[in-house]
Amino acid sequence: MYCNKCGTEIPDSASFCPTCGFPVKNQTQDTAQAPQTSNGENTLAIVGFILSFFFAIIGLIVSAVALHKAKTVYNGRGKGLAIAGIVIGSIETIVIVLLVLFYVSFFATLFSAIA
């Protein structure tokens, strides 16, 4: 790599030119990309929130992805809806599992009493 001010060849790991002292951008820092932020809306959070009412597990998964994107891409936008979708989807999934277990045990007891 070369110094932009004096043209001296310098090591890639250098922060300053050893000849003139000019600060040099490190090439490895240029290649590492910072997380991109978006000014748009986190529509995935809205979709996950709505899906959590009708399709609990799918809404739970979509809301979890939306929460991750809210933190990394959307600068926190949609975080509340994503958390709400996760909570609603989790509660609804637990209720569905408990209802299925109740009905299975009820019908198993009913059929064993008949036989």
PDB file of N, CA and C in Angstrom:
ATOM      1  N   MET A   1       0.863  -1.161   0.000  1.00  0.00           N
ATOM      2  CA  MET A   1       0.000   0.000   0.000  1.00  0.00           C
ATOM      3  C   MET A   1       0.914   1.229   0.000  1.00  0.00           C
ATOM      4  N   TYR A   2       0.420   2.309  -0.593  1.00  0.00           N
ATOM      5  CA  TYR A   2       1.212   3.539  -0.717  1.00  0.00           C
ATOM      6  C   TYR A   2       0.522   4.685   0.018  1.00  0.00           C
ATOM      7  N   CYS A   3       1.309   5.593   0.557  1.00  0.00           N
ATOM      8  CA  CYS A   3       0.798   6.779   1.238  1.00  0.00           C
ATOM      9  C   CYS A   3       0.172   7.713   0.212  1.00  0.00           C
ATOM     10  N   ASN A   4      -1.014   8.232   0.551  1.00  0.00           N
ATOM     11  CA  ASN A   4      -1.707   9.142  -0.358  1.00  0.00           C
ATOM     12  C   ASN A   4      -1.060  10.526  -0.422  1.00  0.00           C
ATOM     13  N   LYS A   5      -0.262  10.872   0.586  1.00  0.00           N
ATOM     14  CA  LYS A   5       0.337  12.205   0.631  1.00  0.00           C
ATOM     15  C   LYS A   5       1.714  12.239  -0.027  1.00  0.00           C
ATOM     16  N   CYS A   6       2.615  11.303   0.383  1.00  0.00           N
ATOM     17  CA  CYS A   6       3.984  11.368  -0.129  1.00  0.00           C
ATOM     18  C   CYS A   6       4.326  10.237  -1.098  1.00  0.00           C
ATOM     19  N   GLY A   7       3.471   9.216  -1.202  1.00  0.00           N
ATOM     20  CA  GLY A   7       3.696   8.135  -2.146  1.00  0.00           C
ATOM     21  C   GLY A   7       4.639   7.049  -1.673  1.00  0.00           C
ATOM     22  N   THR A   8       5.066   7.097  -0.421  1.00  0.00           N
ATOM     23  CA  THR A   8       5.963   6.090   0.116  1.00  0.00           C
ATOM     24  C   THR A   8       5.222   4.770   0.290  1.00  0.00           C
ATOM     25  N   GLU A   9       5.913   3.673  -0.031  1.00  0.00           N
ATOM     26  CA  GLU A   9       5.319   2.357   0.185  1.00  0.00           C
ATOM     27  C   GLU A   9       5.339   2.056   1.686  1.00  0.00           C
ATOM     28  N   ILE A  10       4.178   1.661   2.204  1.00  0.00           N
ATOM     29  CA  ILE A  10       4.057   1.389   3.646  1.00  0.00           C
ATOM     30  C   ILE A  10       3.399   0.024   3.837  1.00  0.00           C
ATOM     31  N   PRO A  11       3.617  -0.601   5.002  1.00  0.00           N
ATOM     32  CA  PRO A  11       2.992  -1.897   5.261  1.00  0.00           C
ATOM     33  C   PRO A  11       1.463  -1.773   5.335  1.00  0.00           C
ATOM     34  N   ASP A  12       0.788  -2.861   5.008  1.00  0.00           N
ATOM     35  CA  ASP A  12      -0.676  -2.852   5.027  1.00  0.00           C
ATOM     36  C   ASP A  12      -1.256  -2.652   6.429  1.00  0.00           C
ATOM     37  N   SER A  13      -0.514  -3.026   7.436  1.00  0.00           N
ATOM     38  CA  SER A  13      -1.026  -2.919   8.803  1.00  0.00           C
ATOM     39  C   SER A  13      -0.786  -1.537   9.426  1.00  0.00           C
ATOM     40  N   ALA A  14      -0.111  -0.633   8.709  1.00  0.00           N
ATOM     41  CA  ALA A  14       0.241   0.682   9.258  1.00  0.00           C
ATOM     42  C   ALA A  14      -0.978   1.588   9.345  1.00  0.00           C
ATOM     43  N   SER A  15      -1.018   2.398  10.401  1.00  0.00           N
ATOM     44  CA  SER A  15      -2.060   3.398  10.573  1.00  0.00           C
ATOM     45  C   SER A  15      -1.601   4.773  10.122  1.00  0.00           C
ATOM     46  N   PHE A  16      -0.267   4.990  10.162  1.00  0.00           N
ATOM     47  CA  PHE A  16       0.336   6.265   9.755  1.00  0.00           C
ATOM     48  C   PHE A  16       1.510   5.984   8.829  1.00  0.00           C
ATOM     49  N   CYS A  17       1.768   6.912   7.941  1.00  0.00           N
ATOM     50  CA  CYS A  17       2.934   6.806   7.058  1.00  0.00           C
ATOM     51  C   CYS A  17       4.194   7.025   7.897  1.00  0.00           C
ATOM     52  N   PRO A  18       5.194   6.116   7.816  1.00  0.00           N
ATOM     53  CA  PRO A  18       6.414   6.302   8.617  1.00  0.00           C
ATOM     54  C   PRO A  18       7.272   7.473   8.128  1.00  0.00           C
ATOM     55  N   THR A  19       7.068   7.925   6.890  1.00  0.00           N
ATOM     56  CA  THR A  19       7.875   9.013   6.346  1.00  0.00           C
ATOM     57  C   THR A  19       7.310  10.384   6.699  1.00  0.00           C
ATOM     58  N   CYS A  20       6.019  10.582   6.406  1.00  0.00           N
ATOM     59  CA  CYS A  20       5.447  11.920   6.606  1.00  0.00           C
ATOM     60  C   CYS A  20       4.463  11.992   7.778  1.00  0.00           C
ATOM     61  N   GLY A  21       4.045  10.859   8.326  1.00  0.00           N
ATOM     62  CA  GLY A  21       3.131  10.852   9.470  1.00  0.00           C
ATOM     63  C   GLY A  21       1.670  11.020   9.099  1.00  0.00           C
ATOM     64  N   PHE A  22       1.346  10.984   7.803  1.00  0.00           N
ATOM     65  CA  PHE A  22      -0.031  11.153   7.347  1.00  0.00           C
ATOM     66  C   PHE A  22      -0.851   9.923   7.748  1.00  0.00           C
ATOM     67  N   PRO A  23      -2.065  10.132   8.333  1.00  0.00           N
ATOM     68  CA  PRO A  23      -2.890   8.970   8.694  1.00  0.00           C
ATOM     69  C   PRO A  23      -3.341   8.212   7.442  1.00  0.00           C
ATOM     70  N   VAL A  24      -3.231   6.896   7.500  1.00  0.00           N
ATOM     71  CA  VAL A  24      -3.547   6.045   6.357  1.00  0.00           C
ATOM     72  C   VAL A  24      -4.685   5.114   6.746  1.00  0.00           C
ATOM     73  N   LYS A  25      -5.656   5.010   5.869  1.00  0.00           N
ATOM     74  CA  LYS A  25      -6.747   4.067   6.096  1.00  0.00           C
ATOM     75  C   LYS A  25      -6.232   2.664   5.899  1.00  0.00           C
ATOM     76  N   ASN A  26      -6.575   1.792   6.818  1.00  0.00           N
ATOM     77  CA  ASN A  26      -6.156   0.405   6.727  1.00  0.00           C
ATOM     78  C   ASN A  26      -7.019  -0.309   5.693  1.00  0.00           C
ATOM     79  N   GLN A  27      -6.407  -1.064   4.784  1.00  0.00           N
ATOM     80  CA  GLN A  27      -7.143  -1.762   3.732  1.00  0.00           C
ATOM     81  C   GLN A  27      -8.085  -2.809   4.306  1.00  0.00           C
ATOM     82  N   THR A  28      -7.710  -3.449   5.413  1.00  0.00           N
ATOM     83  CA  THR A  28      -8.588  -4.473   5.996  1.00  0.00           C
ATOM     84  C   THR A  28      -9.836  -3.839   6.588  1.00  0.00           C
ATOM     85  N   GLN A  29      -9.736  -2.600   7.045  1.00  0.00           N
ATOM     86  CA  GLN A  29     -10.915  -1.915   7.555  1.00  0.00           C
ATOM     87  C   GLN A  29     -11.857  -1.549   6.422  1.00  0.00           C
ATOM     88  N   ASP A  30     -11.316  -1.261   5.230  1.00  0.00           N
ATOM     89  CA  ASP A  30     -12.148  -0.908   4.086  1.00  0.00           C
ATOM     90  C   ASP A  30     -12.974  -2.098   3.614  1.00  0.00           C
ATOM     91  N   THR A  31     -12.403  -3.307   3.681  1.00  0.00           N
ATOM     92  CA  THR A  31     -13.104  -4.468   3.164  1.00  0.00           C
ATOM     93  C   THR A  31     -14.170  -4.963   4.123  1.00  0.00           C
ATOM     94  N   ALA A  32     -13.997  -4.708   5.411  1.00  0.00           N
ATOM     95  CA  ALA A  32     -15.015  -5.128   6.376  1.00  0.00           C
ATOM     96  C   ALA A  32     -16.194  -4.174   6.285  1.00  0.00           C
ATOM     97  N   GLN A  33     -17.354  -4.706   5.983  1.00  0.00           N
ATOM     98  CA  GLN A  33     -18.519  -3.859   5.808  1.00  0.00           C
ATOM     99  C   GLN A  33     -19.253  -3.686   7.122  1.00  0.00           C
ATOM    100  N   ALA A  34     -19.650  -2.474   7.378  1.00  0.00           N
ATOM    101  CA  ALA A  34     -20.466  -2.192   8.556  1.00  0.00           C
ATOM    102  C   ALA A  34     -21.891  -2.645   8.270  1.00  0.00           C
ATOM    103  N   PRO A  35     -22.671  -2.969   9.316  1.00  0.00           N
ATOM    104  CA  PRO A  35     -24.047  -3.357   9.070  1.00  0.00           C
ATOM    105  C   PRO A  35     -24.809  -2.232   8.381  1.00  0.00           C
ATOM    106  N   GLN A  36     -25.573  -2.594   7.387  1.00  0.00           N
ATOM    107  CA  GLN A  36     -26.330  -1.597   6.649  1.00  0.00           C
ATOM    108  C   GLN A  36     -27.594  -1.248   7.424  1.00  0.00           C
ATOM    109  N   THR A  37     -27.930   0.007   7.429  1.00  0.00           N
ATOM    110  CA  THR A  37     -29.171   0.433   8.061  1.00  0.00           C
ATOM    111  C   THR A  37     -30.110   0.941   6.993  1.00  0.00           C
ATOM    112  N   SER A  38     -31.379   0.796   7.261  1.00  0.00           N
ATOM    113  CA  SER A  38     -32.391   1.204   6.306  1.00  0.00           C
ATOM    114  C   SER A  38     -33.316   2.206   6.966  1.00  0.00           C
ATOM    115  N   ASN A  39     -33.803   3.147   6.201  1.00  0.00           N
ATOM    116  CA  ASN A  39     -34.750   4.121   6.718  1.00  0.00           C
ATOM    117  C   ASN A  39     -36.184   3.677   6.515  1.00  0.00           C
ATOM    118  N   GLY A  40     -36.384   2.511   5.886  1.00  0.00           N
ATOM    119  CA  GLY A  40     -37.721   2.020   5.600  1.00  0.00           C
ATOM    120  C   GLY A  40     -38.380   1.408   6.826  1.00  0.00           C
ATOM    121  N   GLU A  41     -39.581   0.933   6.606  1.00  0.00           N
ATOM    122  CA  GLU A  41     -40.335   0.297   7.677  1.00  0.00           C
ATOM    123  C   GLU A  41     -39.995  -1.185   7.740  1.00  0.00           C
ATOM    124  N   ASN A  42     -40.092  -1.739   8.909  1.00  0.00           N
ATOM    125  CA  ASN A  42     -39.862  -3.161   9.113  1.00  0.00           C
ATOM    126  C   ASN A  42     -41.179  -3.892   8.877  1.00  0.00           C
ATOM    127  N   THR A  43     -41.509  -4.135   7.622  1.00  0.00           N
ATOM    128  CA  THR A  43     -42.786  -4.781   7.297  1.00  0.00           C
ATOM    129  C   THR A  43     -42.824  -6.220   7.772  1.00  0.00           C
ATOM    130  N   LEU A  44     -41.668  -6.832   7.945  1.00  0.00           N
ATOM    131  CA  LEU A  44     -41.630  -8.200   8.448  1.00  0.00           C
ATOM    132  C   LEU A  44     -42.180  -8.260   9.874  1.00  0.00           C
ATOM    133  N   ALA A  45     -41.964  -7.222  10.663  1.00  0.00           N
ATOM    134  CA  ALA A  45     -42.503  -7.178  12.021  1.00  0.00           C
ATOM    135  C   ALA A  45     -44.021  -7.101  11.992  1.00  0.00           C
ATOM    136  N   ILE A  46     -44.561  -6.336  11.061  1.00  0.00           N
ATOM    137  CA  ILE A  46     -46.014  -6.220  10.940  1.00  0.00           C
ATOM    138  C   ILE A  46     -46.606  -7.552  10.504  1.00  0.00           C
ATOM    139  N   VAL A  47     -45.979  -8.188   9.526  1.00  0.00           N
ATOM    140  CA  VAL A  47     -46.459  -9.483   9.035  1.00  0.00           C
ATOM    141  C   VAL A  47     -46.381 -10.537  10.140  1.00  0.00           C
ATOM    142  N   GLY A  48     -45.292 -10.571  10.874  1.00  0.00           N
ATOM    143  CA  GLY A  48     -45.143 -11.531  11.970  1.00  0.00           C
ATOM    144  C   GLY A  48     -46.172 -11.315  13.061  1.00  0.00           C
ATOM    145  N   PHE A  49     -46.456 -10.057  13.366  1.00  0.00           N
ATOM    146  CA  PHE A  49     -47.456  -9.739  14.388  1.00  0.00           C
ATOM    147  C   PHE A  49     -48.834 -10.237  13.969  1.00  0.00           C
ATOM    148  N   ILE A  50     -49.222  -9.982  12.724  1.00  0.00           N
ATOM    149  CA  ILE A  50     -50.541 -10.413  12.242  1.00  0.00           C
ATOM    150  C   ILE A  50     -50.609 -11.933  12.140  1.00  0.00           C
ATOM    151  N   LEU A  51     -49.553 -12.561  11.631  1.00  0.00           N
ATOM    152  CA  LEU A  51     -49.552 -14.015  11.502  1.00  0.00           C
ATOM    153  C   LEU A  51     -49.622 -14.724  12.847  1.00  0.00           C
ATOM    154  N   SER A  52     -49.104 -14.098  13.887  1.00  0.00           N
ATOM    155  CA  SER A  52     -49.106 -14.748  15.197  1.00  0.00           C
ATOM    156  C   SER A  52     -50.517 -14.969  15.734  1.00  0.00           C
ATOM    157  N   PHE A  53     -51.492 -14.203  15.252  1.00  0.00           N
ATOM    158  CA  PHE A  53     -52.874 -14.410  15.673  1.00  0.00           C
ATOM    159  C   PHE A  53     -53.514 -15.613  14.975  1.00  0.00           C
ATOM    160  N   PHE A  54     -53.154 -15.833  13.709  1.00  0.00           N
ATOM    161  CA  PHE A  54     -53.835 -16.851  12.914  1.00  0.00           C
ATOM    162  C   PHE A  54     -53.026 -18.135  12.772  1.00  0.00           C
ATOM    163  N   PHE A  55     -51.731 -18.016  12.601  1.00  0.00           N
ATOM    164  CA  PHE A  55     -50.833 -19.160  12.464  1.00  0.00           C
ATOM    165  C   PHE A  55     -49.694 -18.957  13.462  1.00  0.00           C
ATOM    166  N   ALA A  56     -49.881 -19.492  14.658  1.00  0.00           N
ATOM    167  CA  ALA A  56     -49.015 -19.156  15.789  1.00  0.00           C
ATOM    168  C   ALA A  56     -47.540 -19.453  15.535  1.00  0.00           C
ATOM    169  N   ILE A  57     -47.231 -20.642  15.074  1.00  0.00           N
ATOM    170  CA  ILE A  57     -45.827 -21.026  14.919  1.00  0.00           C
ATOM    171  C   ILE A  57     -45.165 -20.221  13.804  1.00  0.00           C
ATOM    172  N   ILE A  58     -45.882 -20.035  12.694  1.00  0.00           N
ATOM    173  CA  ILE A  58     -45.319 -19.248  11.584  1.00  0.00           C
ATOM    174  C   ILE A  58     -45.121 -17.801  12.024  1.00  0.00           C
ATOM    175  N   GLY A  59     -46.104 -17.240  12.729  1.00  0.00           N
ATOM    176  CA  GLY A  59     -45.975 -15.879  13.230  1.00  0.00           C
ATOM    177  C   GLY A  59     -44.832 -15.730  14.212  1.00  0.00           C
ATOM    178  N   LEU A  60     -44.625 -16.767  15.022  1.00  0.00           N
ATOM    179  CA  LEU A  60     -43.522 -16.762  15.989  1.00  0.00           C
ATOM    180  C   LEU A  60     -42.175 -16.721  15.273  1.00  0.00           C
ATOM    181  N   ILE A  61     -42.032 -17.528  14.235  1.00  0.00           N
ATOM    182  CA  ILE A  61     -40.775 -17.579  13.486  1.00  0.00           C
ATOM    183  C   ILE A  61     -40.536 -16.259  12.741  1.00  0.00           C
ATOM    184  N   VAL A  62     -41.565 -15.760  12.069  1.00  0.00           N
ATOM    185  CA  VAL A  62     -41.420 -14.510  11.313  1.00  0.00           C
ATOM    186  C   VAL A  62     -41.110 -13.348  12.261  1.00  0.00           C
ATOM    187  N   SER A  63     -41.747 -13.334  13.425  1.00  0.00           N
ATOM    188  CA  SER A  63     -41.491 -12.263  14.396  1.00  0.00           C
ATOM    189  C   SER A  63     -40.072 -12.334  14.947  1.00  0.00           C
ATOM    190  N   ALA A  64     -39.553 -13.545  15.138  1.00  0.00           N
ATOM    191  CA  ALA A  64     -38.176 -13.688  15.615  1.00  0.00           C
ATOM    192  C   ALA A  64     -37.186 -13.151  14.580  1.00  0.00           C
ATOM    193  N   VAL A  65     -37.439 -13.442  13.313  1.00  0.00           N
ATOM    194  CA  VAL A  65     -36.580 -12.918  12.245  1.00  0.00           C
ATOM    195  C   VAL A  65     -36.706 -11.389  12.181  1.00  0.00           C
ATOM    196  N   ALA A  66     -37.932 -10.891  12.339  1.00  0.00           N
ATOM    197  CA  ALA A  66     -38.157  -9.446  12.306  1.00  0.00           C
ATOM    198  C   ALA A  66     -37.451  -8.739  13.463  1.00  0.00           C
ATOM    199  N   LEU A  67     -37.421  -9.381  14.632  1.00  0.00           N
ATOM    200  CA  LEU A  67     -36.712  -8.791  15.777  1.00  0.00           C
ATOM    201  C   LEU A  67     -35.221  -8.690  15.482  1.00  0.00           C
ATOM    202  N   HIS A  68     -34.664  -9.724  14.886  1.00  0.00           N
ATOM    203  CA  HIS A  68     -33.244  -9.684  14.530  1.00  0.00           C
ATOM    204  C   HIS A  68     -32.978  -8.583  13.509  1.00  0.00           C
ATOM    205  N   LYS A  69     -33.838  -8.476  12.504  1.00  0.00           N
ATOM    206  CA  LYS A  69     -33.659  -7.431  11.484  1.00  0.00           C
ATOM    207  C   LYS A  69     -33.889  -6.043  12.068  1.00  0.00           C
ATOM    208  N   ALA A  70     -34.788  -5.919  13.049  1.00  0.00           N
ATOM    209  CA  ALA A  70     -35.019  -4.618  13.669  1.00  0.00           C
ATOM    210  C   ALA A  70     -33.752  -4.136  14.373  1.00  0.00           C
ATOM    211  N   LYS A  71     -33.024  -5.061  14.966  1.00  0.00           N
ATOM    212  CA  LYS A  71     -31.797  -4.689  15.672  1.00  0.00           C
ATOM    213  C   LYS A  71     -30.647  -4.395  14.718  1.00  0.00           C
ATOM    214  N   THR A  72     -30.562  -5.145  13.610  1.00  0.00           N
ATOM    215  CA  THR A  72     -29.391  -5.019  12.746  1.00  0.00           C
ATOM    216  C   THR A  72     -29.604  -4.112  11.542  1.00  0.00           C
ATOM    217  N   VAL A  73     -30.779  -4.136  10.941  1.00  0.00           N
ATOM    218  CA  VAL A  73     -30.984  -3.420   9.683  1.00  0.00           C
ATOM    219  C   VAL A  73     -31.812  -2.157   9.863  1.00  0.00           C
ATOM    220  N   TYR A  74     -32.888  -2.231  10.654  1.00  0.00           N
ATOM    221  CA  TYR A  74     -33.863  -1.145  10.713  1.00  0.00           C
ATOM    222  C   TYR A  74     -33.657  -0.184  11.879  1.00  0.00           C
ATOM    223  N   ASN A  75     -32.524  -0.256  12.530  1.00  0.00           N
ATOM    224  CA  ASN A  75     -32.168   0.693  13.590  1.00  0.00           C
ATOM    225  C   ASN A  75     -33.216   0.738  14.697  1.00  0.00           C
ATOM    226  N   GLY A  76     -33.780  -0.421  15.035  1.00  0.00           N
ATOM    227  CA  GLY A  76     -34.729  -0.524  16.141  1.00  0.00           C
ATOM    228  C   GLY A  76     -36.185  -0.383  15.751  1.00  0.00           C
ATOM    229  N   ARG A  77     -36.467   0.004  14.502  1.00  0.00           N
ATOM    230  CA  ARG A  77     -37.862   0.158  14.083  1.00  0.00           C
ATOM    231  C   ARG A  77     -38.514  -1.208  13.935  1.00  0.00           C
ATOM    232  N   GLY A  78     -39.713  -1.341  14.502  1.00  0.00           N
ATOM    233  CA  GLY A  78     -40.460  -2.587  14.431  1.00  0.00           C
ATOM    234  C   GLY A  78     -40.139  -3.549  15.558  1.00  0.00           C
ATOM    235  N   LYS A  79     -39.284  -3.136  16.479  1.00  0.00           N
ATOM    236  CA  LYS A  79     -38.875  -4.016  17.572  1.00  0.00           C
ATOM    237  C   LYS A  79     -40.059  -4.354  18.472  1.00  0.00           C
ATOM    238  N   GLY A  80     -40.903  -3.382  18.762  1.00  0.00           N
ATOM    239  CA  GLY A  80     -42.059  -3.617  19.630  1.00  0.00           C
ATOM    240  C   GLY A  80     -43.050  -4.583  19.019  1.00  0.00           C
ATOM    241  N   LEU A  81     -43.345  -4.416  17.727  1.00  0.00           N
ATOM    242  CA  LEU A  81     -44.263  -5.331  17.054  1.00  0.00           C
ATOM    243  C   LEU A  81     -43.677  -6.734  16.982  1.00  0.00           C
ATOM    244  N   ALA A  82     -42.387  -6.836  16.758  1.00  0.00           N
ATOM    245  CA  ALA A  82     -41.747  -8.141  16.686  1.00  0.00           C
ATOM    246  C   ALA A  82     -41.809  -8.849  18.034  1.00  0.00           C
ATOM    247  N   ILE A  83     -41.556  -8.118  19.111  1.00  0.00           N
ATOM    248  CA  ILE A  83     -41.631  -8.720  20.450  1.00  0.00           C
ATOM    249  C   ILE A  83     -43.067  -9.128  20.766  1.00  0.00           C
ATOM    250  N   ALA A  84     -44.031  -8.285  20.403  1.00  0.00           N
ATOM    251  CA  ALA A  84     -45.439  -8.625  20.622  1.00  0.00           C
ATOM    252  C   ALA A  84     -45.820  -9.877  19.837  1.00  0.00           C
ATOM    253  N   GLY A  85     -45.345  -9.989  18.593  1.00  0.00           N
ATOM    254  CA  GLY A  85     -45.615 -11.183  17.791  1.00  0.00           C
ATOM    255  C   GLY A  85     -45.010 -12.430  18.403  1.00  0.00           C
ATOM    256  N   ILE A  86     -43.811 -12.299  18.978  1.00  0.00           N
ATOM    257  CA  ILE A  86     -43.171 -13.437  19.636  1.00  0.00           C
ATOM    258  C   ILE A  86     -43.962 -13.865  20.864  1.00  0.00           C
ATOM    259  N   VAL A  87     -44.387 -12.907  21.662  1.00  0.00           N
ATOM    260  CA  VAL A  87     -45.148 -13.223  22.880  1.00  0.00           C
ATOM    261  C   VAL A  87     -46.491 -13.867  22.530  1.00  0.00           C
ATOM    262  N   ILE A  88     -47.217 -13.258  21.600  1.00  0.00           N
ATOM    263  CA  ILE A  88     -48.533 -13.789  21.223  1.00  0.00           C
ATOM    264  C   ILE A  88     -48.386 -15.166  20.582  1.00  0.00           C
ATOM    265  N   GLY A  89     -47.429 -15.316  19.688  1.00  0.00           N
ATOM    266  CA  GLY A  89     -47.207 -16.616  19.050  1.00  0.00           C
ATOM    267  C   GLY A  89     -46.812 -17.689  20.042  1.00  0.00           C
ATOM    268  N   SER A  90     -45.990 -17.341  21.033  1.00  0.00           N
ATOM    269  CA  SER A  90     -45.576 -18.308  22.050  1.00  0.00           C
ATOM    270  C   SER A  90     -46.744 -18.738  22.922  1.00  0.00           C
ATOM    271  N   ILE A  91     -47.512 -17.766  23.390  1.00  0.00           N
ATOM    272  CA  ILE A  91     -48.663 -18.084  24.245  1.00  0.00           C
ATOM    273  C   ILE A  91     -49.677 -18.927  23.484  1.00  0.00           C
ATOM    274  N   GLU A  92     -49.956 -18.542  22.254  1.00  0.00           N
ATOM    275  CA  GLU A  92     -50.927 -19.283  21.456  1.00  0.00           C
ATOM    276  C   GLU A  92     -50.432 -20.701  21.169  1.00  0.00           C
ATOM    277  N   THR A  93     -49.158 -20.876  20.909  1.00  0.00           N
ATOM    278  CA  THR A  93     -48.597 -22.208  20.679  1.00  0.00           C
ATOM    279  C   THR A  93     -48.715 -23.074  21.924  1.00  0.00           C
ATOM    280  N   ILE A  94     -48.429 -22.508  23.086  1.00  0.00           N
ATOM    281  CA  ILE A  94     -48.545 -23.258  24.335  1.00  0.00           C
ATOM    282  C   ILE A  94     -49.995 -23.657  24.582  1.00  0.00           C
ATOM    283  N   VAL A  95     -50.933 -22.754  24.351  1.00  0.00           N
ATOM    284  CA  VAL A  95     -52.356 -23.063  24.545  1.00  0.00           C
ATOM    285  C   VAL A  95     -52.794 -24.163  23.590  1.00  0.00           C
ATOM    286  N   ILE A  96     -52.368 -24.122  22.349  1.00  0.00           N
ATOM    287  CA  ILE A  96     -52.742 -25.143  21.375  1.00  0.00           C
ATOM    288  C   ILE A  96     -52.187 -26.506  21.787  1.00  0.00           C
ATOM    289  N   VAL A  97     -50.937 -26.546  22.219  1.00  0.00           N
ATOM    290  CA  VAL A  97     -50.336 -27.813  22.657  1.00  0.00           C
ATOM    291  C   VAL A  97     -51.088 -28.367  23.865  1.00  0.00           C
ATOM    292  N   LEU A  98     -51.438 -27.510  24.820  1.00  0.00           N
ATOM    293  CA  LEU A  98     -52.181 -27.975  26.000  1.00  0.00           C
ATOM    294  C   LEU A  98     -53.567 -28.483  25.627  1.00  0.00           C
ATOM    295  N   LEU A  99     -54.241 -27.802  24.701  1.00  0.00           N
ATOM    296  CA  LEU A  99     -55.555 -28.263  24.250  1.00  0.00           C
ATOM    297  C   LEU A  99     -55.470 -29.608  23.538  1.00  0.00           C
ATOM    298  N   VAL A 100     -54.468 -29.778  22.698  1.00  0.00           N
ATOM    299  CA  VAL A 100     -54.297 -31.063  22.015  1.00  0.00           C
ATOM    300  C   VAL A 100     -54.031 -32.170  23.022  1.00  0.00           C
ATOM    301  N   LEU A 101     -53.185 -31.927  23.997  1.00  0.00           N
ATOM    302  CA  LEU A 101     -52.917 -32.928  25.039  1.00  0.00           C
ATOM    303  C   LEU A 101     -54.169 -33.245  25.837  1.00  0.00           C
ATOM    304  N   PHE A 102     -54.970 -32.226  26.149  1.00  0.00           N
ATOM    305  CA  PHE A 102     -56.202 -32.444  26.891  1.00  0.00           C
ATOM    306  C   PHE A 102     -57.167 -33.315  26.097  1.00  0.00           C
ATOM    307  N   TYR A 103     -57.381 -32.983  24.824  1.00  0.00           N
ATOM    308  CA  TYR A 103     -58.317 -33.754  24.008  1.00  0.00           C
ATOM    309  C   TYR A 103     -57.833 -35.175  23.767  1.00  0.00           C
ATOM    310  N   VAL A 104     -56.559 -35.367  23.569  1.00  0.00           N
ATOM    311  CA  VAL A 104     -56.026 -36.718  23.382  1.00  0.00           C
ATOM    312  C   VAL A 104     -56.239 -37.542  24.640  1.00  0.00           C
ATOM    313  N   SER A 105     -55.932 -36.976  25.797  1.00  0.00           N
ATOM    314  CA  SER A 105     -56.122 -37.730  27.041  1.00  0.00           C
ATOM    315  C   SER A 105     -57.601 -37.950  27.335  1.00  0.00           C
ATOM    316  N   PHE A 106     -58.452 -36.980  27.007  1.00  0.00           N
ATOM    317  CA  PHE A 106     -59.899 -37.131  27.230  1.00  0.00           C
ATOM    318  C   PHE A 106     -60.469 -38.261  26.382  1.00  0.00           C
ATOM    319  N   PHE A 107     -60.131 -38.260  25.089  1.00  0.00           N
ATOM    320  CA  PHE A 107     -60.663 -39.306  24.219  1.00  0.00           C
ATOM    321  C   PHE A 107     -60.038 -40.659  24.516  1.00  0.00           C
ATOM    322  N   ALA A 108     -58.793 -40.698  24.933  1.00  0.00           N
ATOM    323  CA  ALA A 108     -58.169 -41.971  25.318  1.00  0.00           C
ATOM    324  C   ALA A 108     -58.869 -42.540  26.538  1.00  0.00           C
ATOM    325  N   THR A 109     -59.212 -41.710  27.502  1.00  0.00           N
ATOM    326  CA  THR A 109     -59.926 -42.159  28.697  1.00  0.00           C
ATOM    327  C   THR A 109     -61.345 -42.586  28.338  1.00  0.00           C
ATOM    328  N   LEU A 110     -61.979 -41.854  27.466  1.00  0.00           N
ATOM    329  CA  LEU A 110     -63.348 -42.172  27.047  1.00  0.00           C
ATOM    330  C   LEU A 110     -63.395 -43.519  26.317  1.00  0.00           C
ATOM    331  N   PHE A 111     -62.496 -43.728  25.377  1.00  0.00           N
ATOM    332  CA  PHE A 111     -62.488 -44.990  24.625  1.00  0.00           C
ATOM    333  C   PHE A 111     -62.044 -46.164  25.460  1.00  0.00           C
ATOM    334  N   SER A 112     -61.182 -45.952  26.442  1.00  0.00           N
ATOM    335  CA  SER A 112     -60.782 -47.072  27.301  1.00  0.00           C
ATOM    336  C   SER A 112     -61.903 -47.447  28.249  1.00  0.00           C
ATOM    337  N   ALA A 113     -62.770 -46.500  28.623  1.00  0.00           N
ATOM    338  CA  ALA A 113     -63.909 -46.819  29.501  1.00  0.00           C
ATOM    339  C   ALA A 113     -64.987 -47.559  28.722  1.00  0.00           C
ATOM    340  N   ILE A 114     -65.129 -47.303  27.430  1.00  0.00           N
ATOM    341  CA  ILE A 114     -66.123 -47.981  26.599  1.00  0.00           C
ATOM    342  C   ILE A 114     -65.687 -49.410  26.330  1.00  0.00           C
ATOM    343  N   ALA A 115     -64.422 -49.630  26.111  1.00  0.00           N
ATOM    344  CA  ALA A 115     -63.924 -50.959  25.724  1.00  0.00           C
ATOM    345  C   ALA A 115     -63.762 -51.830  26.892  1.00  0.00           C
TER     346      ALA A 115
END
